[in-house]
Amino acid sequence: MMVKMNIFVLIVIVLLSLSFAFAQNVPATKVYYFYSNGCSHCKIVADSGILDMVSEWENVAVNKYEISLLDYRDKYLEYVSGFGIASDEQGIPFLVIEQGGKFSYLFGDKPIINDLENSIKNFDGVTLGSRDSYFDNLTLGVVVVAALIDSINPCAFGVLLFLMAVLLSMGSAKRAFRAGMFYTFVIFLVYLMAGLGVMKILGSMSDLDSVKMVVGIIVLVGAVIEIKDFFWEGKGISLKIPTKARPLLEKYVHKGTLPAIFILGAIVALVELPCTGGIYLAILSLISESGVLGLTYLILYNFVFVLPLVFITFFIYRGTKVEGINIWVQNNKRYMRLAAGLVMILLAFGLIGWI
């Protein structure tokens, strides 16, 4: 049993290493477009469709800011000041391109329409200093590492282990394997749909910076609770599946049919959100402005999130005892919560803008 669990840990370590390697090879471009609804030149840019076109490119995120809003006006002034543009030469439409911590800009409708594609493809920027949060340039590595830490969570394991134990006592290992995989797929599907809904809501908000600040504070509170459980487990508030939900979960576990498992997976995905949702909410806030790239990150995040469930299902099918895995989870859940808490702190600081 320990050999198989060591293999599991090794796989996680390899995935972590690969994620950082991939992160170094994924260029990320952010486009910040400043405009006004009453600006005729801004309307020319909008009608050209150039911003919509580049937003569909891989690894390009376009963020639009109406400068009549005070926060966006301040953001605009920070950029023009950073580029050293004199006050009598400032105006809109104004567009900033960011890659790898360096920046360039385009000013006026014709330069934006005619030069934006080439400016992104053949980027040549300057350093403006630490203008934005590190996490504004979300990388593949951040997404994968966050998903891995989120996935190694006692809340995510508990119901699956209980389901597998019950099904193994009622039937064959193949039946338990099919049920475990179906349960895992339902978790993936519900989390993905929930993520899409949250991203749509966040994307519709005009002042996303303020929303990120609020989300960052929520995630930071969750991080403190997770770390508290490392030192004082079970005392005070804990992020876990509500006790009142357990009889309902047990009811569907014992039924063991595919419809029952589907309902079980959907309920578990919803009721375990207080336990696993902190990191997920932070990631959703960071990728909500990233367009097609954000959708790719969302799918990848949820795929990585359910990977440990796939491994556990496979190990049990191959003969690993449920009790052995459960003992391992119980012995290590404090460290799982500590890891989740530390990652949540980093993400919260990134959302708030402290790093």
Protein backbone atom coordinates (compact mmCIF):
# COMPACT_ATOMS: atom_id res chain seq x y z
CA MET A 1 0.00 0.00 0.00
CA MET A 2 2.79 2.44 0.96
CA VAL A 3 4.55 1.76 -2.35
CA LYS A 4 1.43 2.75 -4.26
CA MET A 5 0.93 5.86 -2.17
CA ASN A 6 4.57 6.81 -2.76
CA ILE A 7 3.90 6.45 -6.49
CA PHE A 8 0.97 8.84 -6.09
CA VAL A 9 3.16 11.40 -4.30
CA LEU A 10 5.83 10.99 -7.00
CA ILE A 11 3.26 11.68 -9.73
CA VAL A 12 2.21 14.88 -7.95
CA ILE A 13 5.83 16.01 -7.66
CA VAL A 14 6.43 15.32 -11.38
CA LEU A 15 3.32 17.27 -12.31
CA LEU A 16 4.48 20.17 -10.17
CA SER A 17 7.87 20.17 -11.87
CA LEU A 18 6.30 20.01 -15.33
CA SER A 19 3.94 22.85 -14.51
CA PHE A 20 6.83 25.17 -13.67
CA ALA A 21 8.66 24.09 -16.83
CA PHE A 22 5.62 24.78 -18.99
CA ALA A 23 5.07 28.10 -17.25
CA GLN A 24 8.42 29.33 -18.52
CA ASN A 25 7.40 28.64 -22.13
CA VAL A 26 3.95 30.22 -22.17
CA PRO A 27 4.11 33.88 -23.21
CA ALA A 28 1.28 35.97 -21.78
CA THR A 29 0.14 39.24 -23.29
CA LYS A 30 -2.21 41.68 -21.62
CA VAL A 31 -3.82 44.53 -23.50
CA TYR A 32 -5.25 47.43 -21.51
CA TYR A 33 -7.55 49.61 -23.63
CA PHE A 34 -8.67 53.00 -22.30
CA TYR A 35 -11.65 54.68 -23.94
CA SER A 36 -14.73 56.82 -23.37
CA ASN A 37 -18.27 56.11 -24.54
CA GLY A 38 -18.55 59.63 -25.95
CA CYS A 39 -15.27 59.50 -27.89
CA SER A 40 -15.68 59.32 -31.70
CA HIS A 41 -12.16 57.97 -32.22
CA CYS A 42 -12.83 55.25 -29.65
CA LYS A 43 -15.93 54.29 -31.63
CA ILE A 44 -13.76 53.88 -34.74
CA VAL A 45 -11.54 51.44 -32.84
CA ALA A 46 -14.58 49.55 -31.54
CA ASP A 47 -16.15 49.33 -34.99
CA SER A 48 -12.90 48.03 -36.52
CA GLY A 49 -13.14 44.82 -34.48
CA ILE A 50 -9.39 44.79 -33.87
CA LEU A 51 -9.74 44.32 -30.10
CA ASP A 52 -12.17 41.45 -30.48
CA MET A 53 -9.86 39.80 -32.98
CA VAL A 54 -6.71 39.87 -30.85
CA SER A 55 -8.66 38.79 -27.76
CA GLU A 56 -9.25 35.47 -29.52
CA TRP A 57 -5.52 34.85 -29.90
CA GLU A 58 -3.94 32.30 -27.64
CA ASN A 59 -2.42 33.80 -24.46
CA VAL A 60 -3.79 37.29 -25.17
CA ALA A 61 -6.23 38.96 -22.75
CA VAL A 62 -7.89 42.28 -23.58
CA ASN A 63 -9.11 44.47 -20.71
CA LYS A 64 -11.25 47.53 -21.49
CA TYR A 65 -11.48 50.54 -19.17
CA GLU A 66 -14.00 53.39 -19.44
CA ILE A 67 -11.99 56.31 -18.03
CA SER A 68 -15.03 58.20 -16.78
CA LEU A 69 -14.85 55.76 -13.85
CA LEU A 70 -12.49 57.23 -11.25
CA ASP A 71 -10.46 54.05 -10.62
CA TYR A 72 -9.91 53.53 -14.35
CA ARG A 73 -9.02 57.19 -14.80
CA ASP A 74 -6.34 56.79 -12.12
CA LYS A 75 -5.08 53.64 -13.83
CA TYR A 76 -4.85 55.53 -17.13
CA LEU A 77 -2.93 58.39 -15.50
CA GLU A 78 -0.49 55.94 -13.91
CA TYR A 79 0.34 54.49 -17.31
CA VAL A 80 0.74 57.78 -19.18
CA SER A 81 2.89 59.04 -16.31
CA GLY A 82 4.97 55.86 -16.42
CA PHE A 83 5.59 56.32 -20.14
CA GLY A 84 6.54 59.99 -19.54
CA ILE A 85 3.76 61.34 -21.78
CA ALA A 86 3.27 65.08 -21.24
CA SER A 87 -0.18 66.25 -20.15
CA ASP A 88 -0.74 68.18 -23.40
CA GLU A 89 -0.05 65.00 -25.40
CA GLN A 90 -2.39 62.71 -23.47
CA GLY A 91 -5.69 61.45 -24.85
CA ILE A 92 -7.82 58.50 -25.84
CA PRO A 93 -8.14 55.95 -27.29
CA PHE A 94 -5.01 54.78 -25.49
CA LEU A 95 -3.78 51.20 -25.39
CA VAL A 96 -1.07 49.52 -23.30
CA ILE A 97 0.52 46.19 -24.18
CA GLU A 98 2.23 44.16 -21.45
CA GLN A 99 4.47 41.13 -21.90
CA GLY A 100 6.86 39.63 -19.35
CA GLY A 101 6.78 42.69 -17.08
CA LYS A 102 7.53 45.13 -19.92
CA PHE A 103 5.15 47.63 -21.51
CA SER A 104 4.52 49.50 -24.75
CA TYR A 105 1.65 51.73 -25.84
CA LEU A 106 -0.36 52.88 -28.84
CA PHE A 107 -2.23 56.19 -28.93
CA GLY A 108 -4.96 57.12 -31.39
CA ASP A 109 -7.41 55.15 -33.50
CA LYS A 110 -5.23 54.63 -36.58
CA PRO A 111 -2.11 53.40 -34.73
CA ILE A 112 -4.23 51.01 -32.66
CA ILE A 113 -6.07 49.63 -35.69
CA ASN A 114 -3.02 49.45 -37.97
CA ASP A 115 -0.24 48.52 -35.54
CA LEU A 116 -1.76 46.45 -32.73
CA GLU A 117 -1.25 43.04 -34.37
CA ASN A 118 2.39 43.73 -35.18
CA SER A 119 3.02 45.32 -31.76
CA ILE A 120 1.87 42.12 -30.04
CA LYS A 121 3.67 39.71 -32.38
CA ASN A 122 6.92 41.71 -32.43
CA PHE A 123 6.74 43.14 -28.95
CA ASP A 124 9.40 45.63 -27.89
CA GLY A 125 8.60 47.13 -24.52
CA VAL A 126 10.16 49.01 -21.64
CA THR A 127 10.11 48.43 -17.89
CA LEU A 128 7.82 50.73 -15.95
CA GLY A 129 8.51 49.27 -12.54
CA SER A 130 6.24 47.16 -10.38
CA ARG A 131 2.97 48.61 -11.66
CA ASP A 132 0.73 45.56 -11.34
CA SER A 133 0.31 42.56 -9.13
CA TYR A 134 2.51 39.60 -10.03
CA PHE A 135 -0.62 37.51 -10.45
CA ASP A 136 -2.05 39.86 -13.10
CA ASN A 137 0.10 37.79 -15.49
CA LEU A 138 -1.38 34.45 -14.58
CA THR A 139 0.74 31.58 -15.86
CA LEU A 140 0.09 27.93 -16.54
CA GLY A 141 2.30 27.06 -13.56
CA VAL A 142 0.21 29.10 -11.11
CA VAL A 143 -3.01 27.47 -12.35
CA VAL A 144 -1.65 23.91 -12.21
CA VAL A 145 0.03 24.28 -8.80
CA ALA A 146 -3.09 25.88 -7.31
CA ALA A 147 -5.27 23.09 -8.72
CA LEU A 148 -2.94 20.40 -7.38
CA ILE A 149 -2.90 21.87 -3.89
CA ASP A 150 -6.67 22.32 -4.01
CA SER A 151 -7.16 18.72 -5.16
CA ILE A 152 -5.11 17.16 -2.35
CA ASN A 153 -7.82 17.93 0.13
CA PRO A 154 -9.54 15.66 2.68
CA CYS A 155 -12.94 17.04 1.69
CA ALA A 156 -12.44 15.88 -1.89
CA PHE A 157 -11.30 12.39 -0.84
CA GLY A 158 -13.72 11.49 1.93
CA VAL A 159 -16.93 10.84 0.00
CA LEU A 160 -15.12 8.94 -2.78
CA LEU A 161 -13.48 6.60 -0.27
CA PHE A 162 -16.81 5.99 1.44
CA LEU A 163 -18.49 5.34 -1.93
CA MET A 164 -15.80 2.89 -3.01
CA ALA A 165 -15.91 1.04 0.31
CA VAL A 166 -19.68 0.60 0.11
CA LEU A 167 -19.66 -0.51 -3.53
CA LEU A 168 -16.83 -2.97 -2.95
CA SER A 169 -18.87 -4.54 -0.17
CA MET A 170 -21.90 -4.76 -2.47
CA GLY A 171 -20.35 -5.91 -5.74
CA SER A 172 -17.25 -6.28 -7.90
CA ALA A 173 -14.16 -4.10 -8.15
CA LYS A 174 -15.12 -3.25 -11.76
CA ARG A 175 -18.45 -1.87 -10.61
CA ALA A 176 -16.71 0.21 -7.95
CA PHE A 177 -14.20 1.46 -10.55
CA ARG A 178 -16.94 2.53 -12.97
CA ALA A 179 -18.83 4.25 -10.18
CA GLY A 180 -15.71 6.03 -8.94
CA MET A 181 -14.85 7.32 -12.41
CA PHE A 182 -18.43 8.45 -13.04
CA TYR A 183 -18.51 10.20 -9.68
CA THR A 184 -15.22 11.95 -10.54
CA PHE A 185 -16.60 13.06 -13.92
CA VAL A 186 -19.67 14.56 -12.25
CA ILE A 187 -17.43 16.48 -9.82
CA PHE A 188 -15.44 17.80 -12.80
CA LEU A 189 -18.59 18.78 -14.70
CA VAL A 190 -20.31 20.58 -11.82
CA TYR A 191 -17.15 22.47 -10.84
CA LEU A 192 -16.61 23.47 -14.47
CA MET A 193 -20.17 24.76 -14.87
CA ALA A 194 -19.97 26.63 -11.56
CA GLY A 195 -16.68 28.16 -12.68
CA LEU A 196 -18.18 29.30 -15.97
CA GLY A 197 -21.04 30.93 -14.10
CA VAL A 198 -18.73 32.79 -11.72
CA MET A 199 -16.49 33.90 -14.59
CA LYS A 200 -19.50 35.26 -16.47
CA ILE A 201 -20.64 37.22 -13.42
CA LEU A 202 -17.15 38.61 -12.78
CA GLY A 203 -16.68 39.47 -16.45
CA SER A 204 -19.87 41.55 -16.43
CA MET A 205 -18.70 43.75 -13.56
CA SER A 206 -17.34 47.15 -14.51
CA ASP A 207 -15.03 47.57 -11.51
CA LEU A 208 -13.27 44.21 -11.41
CA ASP A 209 -10.36 45.59 -9.40
CA SER A 210 -12.65 46.26 -6.44
CA VAL A 211 -14.21 42.80 -6.83
CA LYS A 212 -10.74 41.23 -6.75
CA MET A 213 -10.01 43.14 -3.56
CA VAL A 214 -13.15 41.76 -1.89
CA VAL A 215 -12.43 38.22 -3.15
CA GLY A 216 -8.85 38.54 -1.90
CA ILE A 217 -10.07 39.40 1.60
CA ILE A 218 -12.50 36.45 1.57
CA VAL A 219 -9.75 34.07 0.43
CA LEU A 220 -7.39 35.48 3.06
CA VAL A 221 -9.95 34.74 5.80
CA GLY A 222 -10.28 31.20 4.44
CA ALA A 223 -6.49 30.83 4.50
CA VAL A 224 -6.35 31.79 8.16
CA ILE A 225 -9.01 29.16 8.95
CA GLU A 226 -7.09 26.47 7.02
CA ILE A 227 -3.82 27.27 8.79
CA LYS A 228 -5.66 27.37 12.12
CA ASP A 229 -6.72 23.77 11.51
CA PHE A 230 -3.08 22.78 11.09
CA PHE A 231 -2.38 23.85 14.66
CA TRP A 232 -5.80 23.46 16.31
CA GLU A 233 -7.77 21.00 14.22
CA GLY A 234 -11.50 20.87 14.93
CA LYS A 235 -11.53 23.94 17.19
CA GLY A 236 -13.74 26.83 16.14
CA ILE A 237 -14.75 27.33 12.52
CA SER A 238 -13.44 24.82 9.98
CA LEU A 239 -13.79 24.58 6.21
CA LYS A 240 -15.45 21.20 5.75
CA ILE A 241 -18.54 19.51 4.37
CA PRO A 242 -21.48 20.52 6.61
CA THR A 243 -22.44 17.83 9.11
CA LYS A 244 -26.12 18.19 8.21
CA ALA A 245 -25.35 17.14 4.62
CA ARG A 246 -23.82 13.80 5.56
CA PRO A 247 -27.05 11.76 6.01
CA LEU A 248 -28.16 12.88 2.53
CA LEU A 249 -24.79 11.88 1.04
CA GLU A 250 -24.89 8.49 2.75
CA LYS A 251 -28.36 7.90 1.34
CA TYR A 252 -27.16 8.23 -2.27
CA VAL A 253 -23.91 6.34 -1.59
CA HIS A 254 -25.83 3.27 -0.44
CA LYS A 255 -28.11 3.35 -3.49
CA GLY A 256 -25.09 2.86 -5.76
CA THR A 257 -26.95 3.38 -9.07
CA LEU A 258 -25.62 5.71 -11.77
CA PRO A 259 -28.45 8.26 -11.32
CA ALA A 260 -27.82 8.19 -7.56
CA ILE A 261 -24.08 8.66 -8.10
CA PHE A 262 -24.76 11.56 -10.45
CA ILE A 263 -26.90 13.25 -7.79
CA LEU A 264 -24.26 12.38 -5.18
CA GLY A 265 -21.48 13.98 -7.24
CA ALA A 266 -23.52 17.12 -7.85
CA ILE A 267 -24.39 17.49 -4.16
CA VAL A 268 -20.81 16.85 -3.06
CA ALA A 269 -19.45 19.42 -5.53
CA LEU A 270 -21.81 22.02 -4.07
CA VAL A 271 -21.56 21.26 -0.36
CA GLU A 272 -17.77 20.90 -0.37
CA LEU A 273 -17.28 24.39 -1.84
CA PRO A 274 -16.68 25.89 1.64
CA CYS A 275 -13.87 23.35 1.98
CA THR A 276 -12.25 23.61 -1.47
CA GLY A 277 -13.70 26.81 -2.93
CA GLY A 278 -11.20 29.34 -1.61
CA ILE A 279 -8.42 28.60 -4.08
CA TYR A 280 -10.95 28.07 -6.89
CA LEU A 281 -12.58 31.46 -6.28
CA ALA A 282 -9.20 33.16 -6.31
CA ILE A 283 -8.23 31.53 -9.61
CA LEU A 284 -11.60 32.41 -11.16
CA SER A 285 -11.08 36.05 -10.21
CA LEU A 286 -7.63 36.04 -11.81
CA ILE A 287 -8.71 34.42 -15.10
CA SER A 288 -12.09 36.14 -15.51
CA GLU A 289 -10.64 38.75 -17.90
CA SER A 290 -8.54 36.34 -19.93
CA GLY A 291 -11.03 35.36 -22.65
CA VAL A 292 -10.28 32.12 -24.48
CA LEU A 293 -7.10 31.65 -22.45
CA GLY A 294 -9.12 31.94 -19.26
CA LEU A 295 -11.52 29.25 -20.47
CA THR A 296 -8.56 26.98 -21.24
CA TYR A 297 -7.16 27.59 -17.77
CA LEU A 298 -10.56 26.84 -16.24
CA ILE A 299 -10.83 23.46 -17.98
CA LEU A 300 -7.23 22.62 -17.09
CA TYR A 301 -7.74 23.60 -13.45
CA ASN A 302 -10.73 21.31 -13.07
CA PHE A 303 -8.98 18.45 -14.86
CA VAL A 304 -6.02 18.68 -12.48
CA PHE A 305 -8.41 19.09 -9.53
CA VAL A 306 -9.99 15.66 -10.12
CA LEU A 307 -6.75 13.82 -10.98
CA PRO A 308 -6.17 12.54 -7.42
CA LEU A 309 -9.71 11.13 -7.44
CA VAL A 310 -8.86 9.27 -10.65
CA PHE A 311 -5.66 7.90 -9.09
CA ILE A 312 -7.43 6.82 -5.90
CA THR A 313 -10.15 5.06 -7.90
CA PHE A 314 -7.51 3.25 -9.95
CA PHE A 315 -5.44 2.23 -6.92
CA ILE A 316 -8.49 0.79 -5.17
CA TYR A 317 -9.48 -1.05 -8.33
CA ARG A 318 -5.97 -2.53 -8.46
CA GLY A 319 -6.25 -3.80 -4.90
CA THR A 320 -5.22 -1.01 -2.55
CA LYS A 321 -7.34 -1.12 0.60
CA VAL A 322 -9.75 1.76 1.16
CA GLU A 323 -8.87 1.71 4.85
CA GLY A 324 -5.19 2.20 4.04
CA ILE A 325 -5.83 5.28 1.89
CA ASN A 326 -8.22 6.65 4.49
CA ILE A 327 -5.57 6.26 7.21
CA TRP A 328 -3.05 8.09 4.99
CA VAL A 329 -5.55 10.92 4.43
CA GLN A 330 -6.28 11.23 8.15
CA ASN A 331 -2.58 11.24 9.02
CA ASN A 332 -1.76 13.94 6.46
CA LYS A 333 -4.88 16.12 6.32
CA ARG A 334 -3.30 18.73 8.63
CA TYR A 335 -0.48 19.20 6.11
CA MET A 336 -3.00 19.32 3.24
CA ARG A 337 -4.79 22.17 5.00
CA LEU A 338 -1.50 23.95 5.68
CA ALA A 339 -0.53 23.75 2.00
CA ALA A 340 -3.96 25.01 0.95
CA GLY A 341 -3.74 27.87 3.44
CA LEU A 342 -0.31 28.99 2.23
CA VAL A 343 -1.41 28.93 -1.42
CA MET A 344 -4.56 30.87 -0.52
CA ILE A 345 -2.45 33.52 1.20
CA LEU A 346 -0.33 33.98 -1.93
CA LEU A 347 -3.41 34.18 -4.16
CA ALA A 348 -5.15 36.57 -1.76
CA PHE A 349 -2.10 38.86 -1.69
CA GLY A 350 -2.03 38.78 -5.49
CA LEU A 351 -5.72 39.70 -5.73
CA ILE A 352 -5.39 42.50 -3.19
CA GLY A 353 -2.25 43.77 -4.96
CA TRP A 354 0.26 43.27 -2.18
CA ILE A 355 2.57 41.17 -4.37
